[in-house]
């Protein structure tokens, strides 16, 4: 009877495992589970058809989960095998060690102890938990003994062979499982069905490959949505379920991958926004800086993706492009800052030009004003149309160009004024030279030119006041020169008249002119004739004597007219310096 009970326990365990596989593995309907004992070790064989492709790691994970929910009374070693129907040898195996960690907990079905830190199950496989190792080197051992050869299928009759006691308490567990009532059996993932965990585990296994295959934001979002939906589905598992802890671990794993995907998706979305903005020309440095910020925000999360992450390939592929885009924006900002700096400098130079213009007092000052405005205009003209500073530069040019024209015209006007002023000074200087040389005709001509030139200096020029101060002295100098010229002209005429009067066949007289007047002296020859005529008035040449007397009278009258025309006193002497005739001014 004891053997029959133990055999029933093994069949119940096999049935429980097969039901769980049916729930969590989509192809489990063609699986068959057998349980047997060999040297006090529980051995579990899972078989499937040859045309079915299974994941050994998933199968062993389901078996491990069921065994974890069954608390053995002592530490127990379990061997799990996986083989194809009709084959003698399994192609994968896994070693599981069940350890007692505190009994039934708080009177329920859930787990191996209350809050223990040590894992309830460990694997002796050389690889990590839930991995398998092919059975290549143990062929002879397996051929020598097949513990499942006589184990009937779950649908067959009870076997007649004897089995050793093993897994004491399994019958009790089975009884408890079957006695939990319809309510617990109907709760999600409490005893049998747990499709949510099955789907979650499958996605946990497949998601790294899905993530690696994703090449775009859309594909990543699709994977993330699967992770979110699968994780949300696990929320139906109640906290008293033996699978609750497993579901929480899977949820944490899926959530971690989802967060990493969110990090990359956010970076790609930021890059997409930055790309959209680049399509539109900008005329603002602030907008360029905003684009720069977007590219940096897109790059920073991708740089944190480690080389071991499934997202590393995608991140690296995007990083190169994003960095190139960021470099382009950085160069554009650098260029725009250069043009904006030139714009700012032009404004500062314009302020300096206005200050110089307000205090300009000479042609040199106005030349500096003009050249300063020219620097401003040339600087603004170099700013290209593509620059964010172009519009501001054009507005400033509208304001600055007229000021440059004013400065240029004023400089030209002042240049002409100073040239005219200096020309007047030069002409006046030459007039003074002619005065010193008593060349009054030339002096008068030059003084007249100097006066007319100085009058040409414009009233709105800086040199007008200086030029105006020269008009009066230049006019006086001209008048004096003209007077001198008139005197000279009269003297020249007087000399000519005297030359004509003093010579009449013979040399009648000589003369000299000075400021005192005109001094005329009869020549000794003419005086001798006149004396002879006075000594012999009745000589044979009486007609000649009369003529000499008349001539002297005529000479006196002619000299009087000459003196009057010259406005000079006249003194007539004989050859002996005796006064013959005198005519004074006003007399």
Protein backbone atom coordinates (compact mmCIF):
# COMPACT_ATOMS: atom_id res chain seq x y z
CA UNK A 1 0.00 0.00 0.00
CA UNK A 2 2.87 2.35 0.76
CA UNK A 3 4.38 1.69 -2.68
CA UNK A 4 1.08 2.44 -4.33
CA UNK A 5 0.78 5.74 -2.45
CA UNK A 6 4.32 6.75 -3.46
CA UNK A 7 3.60 5.87 -7.07
CA UNK A 8 0.46 7.97 -6.93
CA UNK A 9 2.54 10.84 -5.57
CA UNK A 10 4.91 10.57 -8.55
CA UNK A 11 2.02 10.46 -10.96
CA UNK A 12 0.43 13.48 -9.24
CA UNK A 13 3.70 15.37 -9.49
CA UNK A 14 4.00 14.45 -13.18
CA UNK A 15 0.42 15.52 -13.79
CA UNK A 16 1.00 18.81 -11.99
CA UNK A 17 4.10 19.50 -14.07
CA UNK A 18 2.34 18.59 -17.32
CA UNK A 19 -0.58 20.89 -16.47
CA UNK A 20 1.77 23.74 -15.70
CA UNK A 21 3.59 23.21 -18.99
CA UNK A 22 0.23 23.22 -20.74
CA UNK A 23 -0.48 26.64 -19.22
CA UNK A 24 2.90 28.30 -19.73
CA UNK A 25 4.23 26.72 -22.93
CA UNK A 26 2.21 27.14 -26.09
CA UNK A 27 3.25 23.72 -27.46
CA UNK A 28 2.82 21.87 -24.16
CA UNK A 29 -0.14 19.81 -25.37
CA UNK A 30 2.29 17.46 -27.08
CA UNK A 31 4.55 17.20 -24.03
CA UNK A 32 4.59 14.22 -21.66
CA UNK A 33 6.11 14.27 -18.19
CA UNK A 34 7.34 11.16 -16.31
CA UNK A 35 8.71 11.02 -12.80
CA UNK A 36 10.90 8.22 -11.42
CA UNK A 37 13.37 7.50 -8.61
CA UNK A 38 16.97 6.40 -8.94
CA UNK A 39 19.18 6.01 -5.88
CA UNK A 40 16.98 8.26 -3.72
CA UNK A 41 17.04 11.01 -6.37
CA UNK A 42 13.94 12.26 -8.09
CA UNK A 43 14.25 12.18 -11.88
CA UNK A 44 11.85 14.06 -14.15
CA UNK A 45 11.67 13.36 -17.87
CA UNK A 46 9.90 15.66 -20.33
CA UNK A 47 9.30 14.30 -23.86
CA UNK A 48 8.03 15.93 -27.08
CA UNK A 49 7.65 15.11 -30.73
CA UNK A 50 10.63 15.43 -33.07
CA UNK A 51 8.96 18.11 -35.20
CA UNK A 52 8.48 20.46 -32.24
CA UNK A 53 11.12 23.08 -31.48
CA UNK A 54 11.25 23.90 -27.80
CA UNK A 55 13.27 26.13 -25.55
CA UNK A 56 14.97 23.83 -22.96
CA UNK A 57 15.66 26.78 -20.72
CA UNK A 58 11.94 27.66 -20.59
CA UNK A 59 10.92 24.03 -19.90
CA UNK A 60 13.37 23.69 -17.04
CA UNK A 61 12.25 27.10 -15.68
CA UNK A 62 8.64 25.89 -15.48
CA UNK A 63 9.70 22.64 -13.72
CA UNK A 64 11.87 24.66 -11.33
CA UNK A 65 8.93 26.92 -10.52
CA UNK A 66 6.65 24.01 -9.66
CA UNK A 67 9.29 22.31 -7.54
CA UNK A 68 9.88 25.59 -5.74
CA UNK A 69 6.22 25.67 -4.68
CA UNK A 70 6.54 22.17 -3.10
CA UNK A 71 8.34 22.28 0.23
CA UNK A 72 10.30 19.02 0.79
CA UNK A 73 10.90 17.85 4.36
CA UNK A 74 14.62 17.71 3.71
CA UNK A 75 17.22 18.72 1.17
CA UNK A 76 16.54 16.85 -2.07
CA UNK A 77 18.49 16.49 -5.34
CA UNK A 78 16.45 16.37 -8.56
CA UNK A 79 17.57 15.57 -12.11
CA UNK A 80 15.54 16.90 -15.04
CA UNK A 81 15.80 15.52 -18.59
CA UNK A 82 14.44 16.52 -21.97
CA UNK A 83 14.22 14.14 -24.93
CA UNK A 84 12.32 13.40 -28.15
CA UNK A 85 9.66 10.72 -28.38
CA UNK A 86 11.17 7.45 -29.58
CA UNK A 87 14.72 8.41 -28.64
CA UNK A 88 16.53 6.46 -25.92
CA UNK A 89 18.78 9.28 -24.76
CA UNK A 90 17.80 12.78 -23.56
CA UNK A 91 19.48 15.71 -25.32
CA UNK A 92 19.45 18.11 -22.34
CA UNK A 93 19.50 17.88 -18.57
CA UNK A 94 19.47 20.10 -15.49
CA UNK A 95 20.35 19.46 -11.82
CA UNK A 96 18.19 21.05 -9.13
CA UNK A 97 18.81 20.92 -5.37
CA UNK A 98 15.73 21.59 -3.24
CA UNK A 99 16.48 22.97 0.22
CA UNK A 100 14.12 23.27 3.15
CA UNK A 101 13.92 26.91 4.29
CA UNK A 102 11.17 27.07 6.91
CA UNK A 103 8.24 24.86 6.07
CA UNK A 104 4.88 26.13 4.87
CA UNK A 105 5.28 29.72 5.87
CA UNK A 106 2.08 31.20 7.38
CA UNK A 107 -0.09 28.14 6.84
CA UNK A 108 -0.54 28.57 3.05
CA UNK A 109 0.92 27.24 -0.15
CA UNK A 110 3.33 30.05 -0.87
CA UNK A 111 7.01 29.33 -0.87
CA UNK A 112 9.89 28.01 1.17
CA UNK A 113 10.13 30.10 4.30
CA UNK A 114 9.25 33.54 5.44
CA UNK A 115 11.80 36.03 4.22
CA UNK A 116 14.84 33.74 3.92
CA UNK A 117 17.76 35.15 1.92
CA UNK A 118 19.04 31.78 0.63
CA UNK A 119 17.65 30.51 -2.67
CA UNK A 120 15.41 27.44 -2.35
CA UNK A 121 16.77 25.82 -5.51
CA UNK A 122 20.27 25.69 -6.93
CA UNK A 123 21.62 24.14 -10.08
CA UNK A 124 24.61 21.91 -10.44
CA UNK A 125 24.81 22.55 -14.14
CA UNK A 126 28.11 24.17 -15.15
CA UNK A 127 26.12 27.01 -16.68
CA UNK A 128 23.74 29.40 -14.95
CA UNK A 129 20.30 28.53 -13.62
CA UNK A 130 17.74 27.26 -16.10
CA UNK A 131 20.39 26.41 -18.65
CA UNK A 132 20.99 22.95 -19.94
CA UNK A 133 23.97 20.88 -21.01
CA UNK A 134 23.85 18.33 -23.88
CA UNK A 135 24.43 14.73 -22.82
CA UNK A 136 27.23 13.71 -25.17
CA UNK A 137 29.83 12.33 -22.80
CA UNK A 138 27.44 10.20 -20.72
CA UNK A 139 26.18 7.91 -23.49
CA UNK A 140 27.42 4.68 -21.96
CA UNK A 141 25.88 5.47 -18.57
CA UNK A 142 22.48 6.30 -20.05
CA UNK A 143 22.52 3.18 -22.19
CA UNK A 144 23.26 1.10 -19.12
CA UNK A 145 20.25 2.39 -17.20
CA UNK A 146 17.02 4.09 -18.27
CA UNK A 147 14.93 4.82 -15.14
CA UNK A 148 11.94 5.83 -17.26
CA UNK A 149 11.78 2.64 -19.30
CA UNK A 150 9.04 1.10 -17.20
CA UNK A 151 7.21 4.28 -16.17
CA UNK A 152 3.77 4.29 -17.83
CA UNK A 153 2.24 7.30 -19.47
CA UNK A 154 -0.08 9.36 -17.32
CA UNK A 155 -3.03 7.76 -19.06
CA UNK A 156 -1.76 4.17 -18.55
CA UNK A 157 -2.55 1.83 -15.69
CA UNK A 158 -0.61 1.85 -12.44
CA UNK A 159 2.77 0.12 -12.67
CA UNK A 160 3.51 -3.08 -10.75
CA UNK A 161 7.19 -2.42 -9.96
CA UNK A 162 8.38 -1.48 -6.53
CA UNK A 163 9.81 1.98 -5.82
CA UNK A 164 11.79 3.20 -2.89
CA UNK A 165 10.40 5.87 -0.55
CA UNK A 166 11.14 9.34 -1.87
CA UNK A 167 9.83 12.83 -1.52
CA UNK A 168 8.01 12.09 1.68
CA UNK A 169 5.27 14.59 2.01
CA UNK A 170 4.55 14.87 -1.72
CA UNK A 171 1.34 12.95 -1.19
CA UNK A 172 0.42 15.41 1.52
CA UNK A 173 1.24 18.30 -0.78
CA UNK A 174 -0.83 16.77 -3.51
CA UNK A 175 -3.68 16.31 -1.09
CA UNK A 176 -3.43 19.95 0.00
CA UNK A 177 -3.22 21.12 -3.59
CA UNK A 178 -6.31 19.16 -4.51
CA UNK A 179 -8.07 20.29 -1.35
CA UNK A 180 -7.54 24.02 -1.70
CA UNK A 181 -10.91 24.28 -3.23
CA UNK A 182 -12.37 25.53 -6.43
CA UNK A 183 -11.75 29.14 -5.43
CA UNK A 184 -7.94 28.91 -5.32
CA UNK A 185 -7.87 26.85 -8.46
CA UNK A 186 -9.77 29.57 -10.28
CA UNK A 187 -7.51 32.43 -9.11
CA UNK A 188 -4.89 33.56 -11.72
CA UNK A 189 -1.55 31.80 -11.36
CA UNK A 190 -2.32 30.30 -7.93
CA UNK A 191 -2.00 26.64 -8.81
CA UNK A 192 -2.18 25.69 -12.43
CA UNK A 193 -2.66 28.13 -15.25
CA UNK A 194 -0.35 31.19 -15.46
CA UNK A 195 -0.30 32.33 -19.04
CA UNK A 196 0.79 35.82 -17.92
CA UNK A 197 4.06 34.55 -16.50
CA UNK A 198 4.56 32.32 -19.51
CA UNK A 199 4.15 35.28 -21.86
CA UNK A 200 6.33 37.46 -19.65
CA UNK A 201 9.12 34.89 -19.54
CA UNK A 202 8.97 34.40 -23.28
CA UNK A 203 9.13 38.17 -23.82
CA UNK A 204 11.95 38.44 -21.29
CA UNK A 205 13.91 35.95 -23.36
CA UNK A 206 12.96 37.42 -26.73
CA UNK A 207 13.07 41.12 -25.86
CA UNK A 208 16.88 41.51 -26.04
CA UNK A 209 16.80 40.23 -29.60
CA UNK A 210 13.82 42.44 -30.45
CA UNK A 211 15.64 45.42 -29.01
CA UNK A 212 18.80 44.63 -30.95
CA UNK A 213 16.81 44.33 -34.16
CA UNK A 214 15.08 47.68 -33.68
CA UNK A 215 16.50 50.30 -36.03
CA UNK A 216 14.15 53.19 -35.43
CA UNK A 217 12.16 55.00 -32.80
CA UNK A 218 8.94 53.40 -34.08
CA UNK A 219 10.29 49.87 -33.68
CA UNK A 220 11.62 50.63 -30.19
CA UNK A 221 8.25 52.05 -29.16
CA UNK A 222 6.59 48.86 -30.39
CA UNK A 223 8.90 46.75 -28.23
CA UNK A 224 8.33 49.07 -25.29
CA UNK A 225 4.55 48.75 -25.68
CA UNK A 226 4.88 44.96 -25.62
CA UNK A 227 6.94 45.20 -22.44
CA UNK A 228 4.41 47.53 -20.83
CA UNK A 229 1.42 45.37 -21.80
CA UNK A 230 3.09 42.18 -20.61
CA UNK A 231 4.18 43.80 -17.33
CA UNK A 232 0.65 45.15 -16.77
CA UNK A 233 -0.77 41.66 -17.34
CA UNK A 234 1.27 40.39 -14.40
CA UNK A 235 -0.68 42.68 -12.06
CA UNK A 236 -3.52 40.10 -11.94
CA UNK A 237 -1.32 37.71 -9.93
CA UNK A 238 -2.32 38.03 -6.24
CA UNK A 239 0.26 38.45 -3.53
CA UNK A 240 -0.54 35.01 -2.02
CA UNK A 241 0.22 33.22 -5.27
CA UNK A 242 3.39 31.07 -5.21
CA UNK A 243 4.29 32.80 -8.44
CA UNK A 244 3.89 36.32 -7.10
CA UNK A 245 7.59 36.76 -6.29
CA UNK A 246 8.56 35.47 -9.72
CA UNK A 247 6.10 37.85 -11.38
CA UNK A 248 7.52 40.78 -9.43
CA UNK A 249 11.05 39.88 -10.51
CA UNK A 250 9.96 39.60 -14.13
CA UNK A 251 8.10 42.90 -13.88
CA UNK A 252 11.24 44.55 -12.49
CA UNK A 253 13.29 43.12 -15.34
CA UNK A 254 10.80 44.20 -18.00
CA UNK A 255 10.48 47.62 -16.37
CA UNK A 256 14.26 48.06 -16.39
CA UNK A 257 14.41 47.30 -20.10
CA UNK A 258 11.46 49.59 -20.73
CA UNK A 259 13.21 52.43 -18.90
CA UNK A 260 16.33 51.95 -21.00
CA UNK A 261 14.20 51.99 -24.13
CA UNK A 262 12.46 55.14 -22.87
CA UNK A 263 15.86 56.74 -22.46
CA UNK A 264 16.77 56.00 -26.08
CA UNK A 265 13.31 56.82 -27.42
CA UNK A 266 13.38 60.19 -25.69
CA UNK A 267 16.80 60.86 -27.22
CA UNK A 268 15.51 59.91 -30.69
CA UNK A 269 12.40 62.06 -30.24
CA UNK A 270 14.56 64.98 -29.19
CA UNK A 271 16.76 64.45 -32.24
CA UNK A 272 13.66 64.28 -34.44
CA UNK A 273 12.48 67.61 -33.04
CA UNK A 274 15.91 69.13 -33.63
CA UNK A 275 15.89 67.79 -37.21
CA UNK A 276 12.51 69.39 -37.84
CA UNK A 277 13.73 72.73 -36.57
CA UNK A 278 16.78 72.57 -38.84
CA UNK A 279 14.48 72.48 -41.86
CA UNK A 280 13.38 76.04 -41.11
CA UNK A 281 15.88 78.91 -41.54
CA UNK A 282 16.45 80.85 -38.35
CA UNK A 283 17.41 84.47 -37.80
CA UNK A 284 17.91 84.23 -34.06
CA UNK A 285 20.96 83.21 -32.05
CA UNK A 286 18.61 82.08 -29.29
CA UNK A 287 16.97 79.64 -31.70
CA UNK A 288 20.36 78.26 -32.72
CA UNK A 289 21.29 77.81 -29.08
CA UNK A 290 17.96 76.03 -28.52
CA UNK A 291 18.82 73.63 -31.36
CA UNK A 292 22.25 73.11 -29.87
CA UNK A 293 20.60 72.24 -26.55
CA UNK A 294 18.28 69.73 -28.26
CA UNK A 295 21.17 67.93 -29.94
CA UNK A 296 23.05 67.78 -26.65
CA UNK A 297 19.93 66.40 -24.96
CA UNK A 298 19.70 63.77 -27.70
CA UNK A 299 23.37 62.79 -27.44
CA UNK A 300 23.81 62.66 -23.65
CA UNK A 301 21.49 59.65 -22.96
CA UNK A 302 22.96 57.66 -25.84
CA UNK A 303 26.48 58.16 -24.54
CA UNK A 304 25.51 56.41 -21.30
CA UNK A 305 24.50 53.19 -23.10
CA UNK A 306 27.14 50.58 -22.26
CA UNK A 307 28.68 48.29 -24.84
CA UNK A 308 26.95 45.30 -23.20
CA UNK A 309 23.47 46.76 -23.69
CA UNK A 310 21.13 45.54 -26.43
CA UNK A 311 20.66 49.21 -27.34
CA UNK A 312 24.38 49.85 -27.85
CA UNK A 313 24.39 49.21 -31.61
CA UNK A 314 21.45 51.50 -32.26
CA UNK A 315 22.85 54.17 -29.92
CA UNK A 316 26.25 54.15 -31.60
CA UNK A 317 24.70 54.32 -35.05
CA UNK A 318 22.69 57.38 -34.07
CA UNK A 319 25.46 59.04 -32.07
CA UNK A 320 27.70 59.59 -35.08
CA UNK A 321 24.93 61.36 -36.98
CA UNK A 322 23.84 63.39 -33.96
CA UNK A 323 27.39 64.52 -33.22
CA UNK A 324 27.82 65.63 -36.82
CA UNK A 325 24.59 67.63 -36.53
CA UNK A 326 25.69 69.14 -33.24
CA UNK A 327 29.06 70.06 -34.74
CA UNK A 328 27.27 71.81 -37.62
CA UNK A 329 25.12 73.79 -35.17
CA UNK A 330 28.20 74.64 -33.09
CA UNK A 331 29.96 75.95 -36.19
CA UNK A 332 26.90 77.96 -37.14
CA UNK A 333 26.70 79.45 -33.66
CA UNK A 334 30.43 80.26 -33.78
CA UNK A 335 29.97 82.02 -37.12
CA UNK A 336 26.86 83.86 -35.97
CA UNK A 337 28.58 85.00 -32.78
CA UNK A 338 31.37 86.38 -34.95
CA UNK A 339 28.88 88.38 -37.05
CA UNK A 340 27.00 89.53 -33.96
CA UNK A 341 30.29 90.64 -32.45
CA UNK A 342 31.00 92.61 -35.63
CA UNK A 343 27.51 94.14 -35.35
CA UNK A 344 28.15 95.12 -31.73
CA UNK A 345 31.54 96.57 -32.63
CA UNK A 346 29.97 98.57 -35.46
CA UNK A 347 27.48 100.06 -33.02
CA UNK A 348 30.27 101.05 -30.63
CA UNK A 349 32.27 102.66 -33.45
CA UNK A 350 29.12 104.52 -34.55
CA UNK A 351 28.80 105.98 -31.05
CA UNK A 352 32.43 107.14 -31.27
CA UNK A 353 31.74 108.71 -34.68
CA UNK A 354 28.79 110.65 -33.27
CA UNK A 355 30.91 111.94 -30.39
CA UNK A 356 33.67 113.06 -32.76
CA UNK A 357 31.11 114.75 -34.98
CA UNK A 358 29.71 116.71 -32.03
CA UNK A 359 33.15 118.09 -31.12
CA UNK A 360 34.69 118.48 -34.59
CA UNK A 361 36.46 121.87 -34.92
CA UNK A 362 38.83 121.39 -37.82
CA UNK A 363 39.16 119.71 -41.16
CA UNK A 364 41.22 116.99 -39.50
CA UNK A 365 38.39 116.34 -37.06
CA UNK A 366 35.87 115.99 -39.88
CA UNK A 367 38.19 113.71 -41.79
CA UNK A 368 38.32 111.46 -38.73
CA UNK A 369 34.52 111.55 -38.46
CA UNK A 370 34.17 110.57 -42.10
CA UNK A 371 36.69 107.73 -41.85
CA UNK A 372 35.01 106.43 -38.66
CA UNK A 373 31.59 106.30 -40.32
CA UNK A 374 33.20 104.57 -43.29
CA UNK A 375 34.54 101.85 -40.98
CA UNK A 376 31.02 101.36 -39.59
CA UNK A 377 29.41 101.12 -43.04
CA UNK A 378 32.02 98.70 -44.37
CA UNK A 379 31.70 96.46 -41.30
CA UNK A 380 27.91 96.24 -41.60
CA UNK A 381 28.10 95.57 -45.35
CA UNK A 382 30.22 92.46 -44.75
CA UNK A 383 27.47 90.71 -42.75
CA UNK A 384 25.92 88.12 -45.13
CA UNK A 385 22.24 87.60 -45.80
CA UNK A 386 22.33 84.18 -44.17
CA UNK A 387 23.42 85.61 -40.83
CA UNK A 388 21.03 86.20 -37.94
CA UNK A 389 22.62 89.66 -37.66
CA UNK A 390 21.78 90.62 -41.25
CA UNK A 391 18.40 92.24 -40.56
CA UNK A 392 19.77 94.31 -37.68
CA UNK A 393 22.74 95.32 -39.84
CA UNK A 394 20.42 96.51 -42.61
CA UNK A 395 18.37 98.57 -40.16
CA UNK A 396 21.52 100.20 -38.83
CA UNK A 397 22.72 100.95 -42.36
CA UNK A 398 19.51 102.86 -43.04
CA UNK A 399 20.37 105.06 -40.07
CA UNK A 400 24.15 105.26 -40.50
CA UNK A 401 24.49 105.83 -44.26
CA UNK A 402 22.93 109.33 -44.18
CA UNK A 403 25.24 110.23 -41.31
CA UNK A 404 28.20 109.05 -43.34
CA UNK A 405 27.03 111.16 -46.31
CA UNK A 406 26.70 114.20 -44.07
CA UNK A 407 30.18 113.66 -42.66
CA UNK A 408 31.59 113.14 -46.15
CA UNK A 409 29.94 116.31 -47.51
CA UNK A 410 30.98 118.30 -44.48
CA UNK A 411 34.54 117.07 -44.85
CA UNK A 412 34.50 118.06 -48.53
CA UNK A 413 33.06 121.48 -47.67
CA UNK A 414 35.56 122.07 -44.91
CA UNK A 415 38.35 120.92 -47.17
CA UNK A 416 37.29 123.43 -49.81
CA UNK A 417 36.95 126.14 -47.17
CA UNK A 418 40.40 125.58 -45.75
CA UNK A 419 41.85 125.40 -49.25
CA UNK A 420 40.22 128.72 -50.14
CA UNK A 421 41.33 130.28 -46.87
CA UNK A 422 44.92 129.15 -47.32
CA UNK A 423 44.87 130.31 -50.93
CA UNK A 424 43.75 133.78 -49.80
CA UNK A 425 46.60 133.88 -47.28
CA UNK A 426 49.08 132.90 -49.97
CA UNK A 427 47.86 135.62 -52.38
CA UNK A 428 47.97 138.27 -49.64
CA UNK A 429 51.52 137.26 -48.82
CA UNK A 430 52.57 137.83 -52.42
CA UNK A 431 50.76 141.19 -52.46
CA UNK A 432 52.88 142.31 -49.52
CA UNK A 433 56.01 141.34 -51.42
CA UNK A 434 54.97 143.54 -54.33
CA UNK A 435 54.28 146.37 -51.93
CA UNK A 436 57.79 146.09 -50.56
CA UNK A 437 59.03 146.30 -54.12
CA UNK A 438 56.80 149.34 -54.79
CA UNK A 439 55.15 147.37 -57.54
CA UNK A 440 51.81 148.84 -56.79
CA UNK A 441 50.12 147.66 -59.89
CA UNK A 442 50.92 144.02 -59.00
CA UNK A 443 50.25 144.66 -55.31
CA UNK A 444 46.82 146.09 -56.06
CA UNK A 445 46.03 143.16 -58.33
CA UNK A 446 47.03 140.57 -55.73
CA UNK A 447 45.26 142.33 -52.90
CA UNK A 448 42.12 142.35 -54.97
CA UNK A 449 42.50 138.59 -55.66
CA UNK A 450 43.12 137.89 -51.99
CA UNK A 451 40.03 139.84 -51.01
CA UNK A 452 37.81 138.06 -53.53
CA UNK A 453 39.18 134.65 -52.51
CA UNK A 454 38.67 135.13 -48.80
CA UNK A 455 35.07 136.19 -49.49
CA UNK A 456 34.45 132.75 -51.08
CA UNK A 457 34.82 130.91 -47.76
CA UNK A 458 31.32 129.59 -46.91
CA UNK A 459 29.53 130.94 -43.90
CA UNK A 460 28.69 127.41 -42.60
CA UNK A 461 32.33 126.34 -42.57
CA UNK A 462 34.68 126.29 -39.60
CA UNK A 463 37.01 128.83 -41.34
CA UNK A 464 34.37 131.43 -42.08
CA UNK A 465 35.09 133.43 -38.91
CA UNK A 466 38.79 133.50 -39.64
CA UNK A 467 38.16 134.39 -43.26
CA UNK A 468 35.75 137.15 -42.32
CA UNK A 469 38.36 138.70 -40.06
CA UNK A 470 40.64 139.14 -43.11
CA UNK A 471 38.15 141.04 -45.27
CA UNK A 472 38.69 144.41 -43.57
CA UNK A 473 42.52 144.44 -43.58
CA UNK A 474 42.60 143.06 -47.13
CA UNK A 475 40.21 145.80 -48.27
CA UNK A 476 42.37 148.45 -46.64
CA UNK A 477 45.50 147.03 -48.20
CA UNK A 478 43.81 147.00 -51.60
CA UNK A 479 42.72 150.59 -51.19
CA UNK A 480 46.18 151.65 -50.16
CA UNK A 481 47.72 149.82 -53.07
CA UNK A 482 45.25 151.38 -55.44
CA UNK A 483 46.05 154.83 -54.03
CA UNK A 484 49.73 154.15 -54.36
CA UNK A 485 49.15 152.96 -57.86
CA UNK A 486 47.23 156.12 -58.66
CA UNK A 487 50.03 158.29 -57.30
CA UNK A 488 52.55 156.38 -59.29
CA UNK A 489 50.43 156.72 -62.38
CA UNK A 490 50.16 160.48 -61.88
CA UNK A 491 53.87 160.79 -61.31
CA UNK A 492 54.55 158.80 -64.41
CA UNK A 493 52.29 161.09 -66.40
CA UNK A 494 53.85 164.10 -64.76
CA UNK A 495 57.32 162.91 -65.71
CA UNK A 496 56.17 162.31 -69.23
CA UNK A 497 54.66 165.79 -69.41
CA UNK A 498 57.78 167.32 -67.91
CA UNK A 499 60.01 165.44 -70.35
CA UNK A 500 57.94 166.77 -73.25
CA UNK A 501 57.88 170.32 -71.87
CA UNK A 502 61.58 170.53 -71.03
CA UNK A 503 62.72 169.49 -74.45
CA UNK A 504 61.77 171.72 -77.36
CA UNK A 505 64.55 171.73 -79.89
CA UNK A 506 66.98 172.35 -77.11
CA UNK A 507 67.20 171.08 -73.57
CA UNK A 508 65.21 173.72 -71.78
CA UNK A 509 65.03 172.40 -68.26
CA UNK A 510 65.59 169.56 -65.85
CA UNK A 511 63.26 168.40 -63.07
CA UNK A 512 62.95 166.26 -60.00
CA UNK A 513 59.88 165.11 -58.13
CA UNK A 514 59.58 164.28 -54.43
CA UNK A 515 57.05 164.59 -51.67
CA UNK A 516 57.78 168.35 -51.44
CA UNK A 517 56.71 168.92 -55.01
CA UNK A 518 58.11 169.42 -58.52
CA UNK A 519 61.41 171.25 -58.84
CA UNK A 520 62.25 172.50 -62.33
CA UNK A 521 65.63 174.11 -63.23
CA UNK A 522 66.37 175.89 -66.44
CA UNK A 523 69.40 174.63 -68.24
CA UNK A 524 72.42 176.92 -68.56
CA UNK A 525 71.98 176.91 -72.32
CA UNK A 526 68.38 178.08 -72.18
CA UNK A 527 69.23 180.50 -69.41
CA UNK A 528 72.07 182.01 -71.50
CA UNK A 529 69.73 182.58 -74.39
CA UNK A 530 67.26 184.17 -72.09
CA UNK A 531 69.96 186.44 -70.51
CA UNK A 532 71.21 187.52 -73.89
CA UNK A 533 67.77 188.43 -74.98
CA UNK A 534 67.28 190.51 -71.84
CA UNK A 535 70.65 192.29 -72.36
CA UNK A 536 69.98 193.26 -76.00
CA UNK A 537 66.26 193.57 -76.44
CA UNK A 538 66.68 195.72 -79.58
CA UNK A 539 69.25 193.73 -81.35
CA UNK A 540 68.94 192.49 -84.82
CA UNK A 541 67.35 189.36 -83.40
CA UNK A 542 64.52 191.16 -81.65
CA UNK A 543 62.01 188.65 -82.86
CA UNK A 544 64.01 185.97 -81.22
CA UNK A 545 64.03 187.85 -77.95
CA UNK A 546 60.29 188.22 -78.07
CA UNK A 547 59.96 184.56 -78.71
CA UNK A 548 62.19 183.71 -75.76
CA UNK A 549 60.14 185.88 -73.46
CA UNK A 550 56.91 184.39 -74.69
CA UNK A 551 58.32 180.91 -74.41
CA UNK A 552 59.25 181.39 -70.76
CA UNK A 553 55.70 182.53 -70.10
CA UNK A 554 54.34 179.52 -71.88
CA UNK A 555 56.80 177.29 -69.96
CA UNK A 556 55.55 178.67 -66.66
CA UNK A 557 51.95 178.05 -67.60
CA UNK A 558 52.67 174.52 -68.79
CA UNK A 559 54.56 173.68 -65.63
CA UNK A 560 51.71 175.15 -63.58
CA UNK A 561 49.24 172.82 -65.31
CA UNK A 562 51.54 169.86 -64.78
CA UNK A 563 51.85 170.68 -61.08
CA UNK A 564 48.14 171.13 -60.77
CA UNK A 565 47.48 167.77 -62.46
CA UNK A 566 50.03 166.12 -60.20
CA UNK A 567 48.56 167.93 -57.23
CA UNK A 568 52.07 168.97 -56.31
CA UNK A 569 53.72 172.31 -55.61
CA UNK A 570 55.89 173.66 -58.41
CA UNK A 571 59.19 175.46 -58.05
CA UNK A 572 60.91 176.88 -61.14
CA UNK A 573 64.56 177.94 -60.83
CA UNK A 574 67.05 179.33 -63.29
CA UNK A 575 70.41 177.70 -63.78
CA UNK A 576 71.74 179.77 -60.91
CA UNK A 577 69.07 178.41 -58.53
CA UNK A 578 67.22 181.70 -58.52
CA UNK A 579 63.47 181.34 -58.14
CA UNK A 580 61.66 182.30 -61.28
CA UNK A 581 58.20 180.94 -60.54
CA UNK A 582 56.45 179.22 -57.60
CA UNK A 583 53.07 177.56 -57.38
CA UNK A 584 51.94 175.93 -54.17
CA UNK A 585 48.90 173.76 -53.48
CA UNK A 586 45.86 175.90 -52.93
CA UNK A 587 47.79 179.01 -54.04
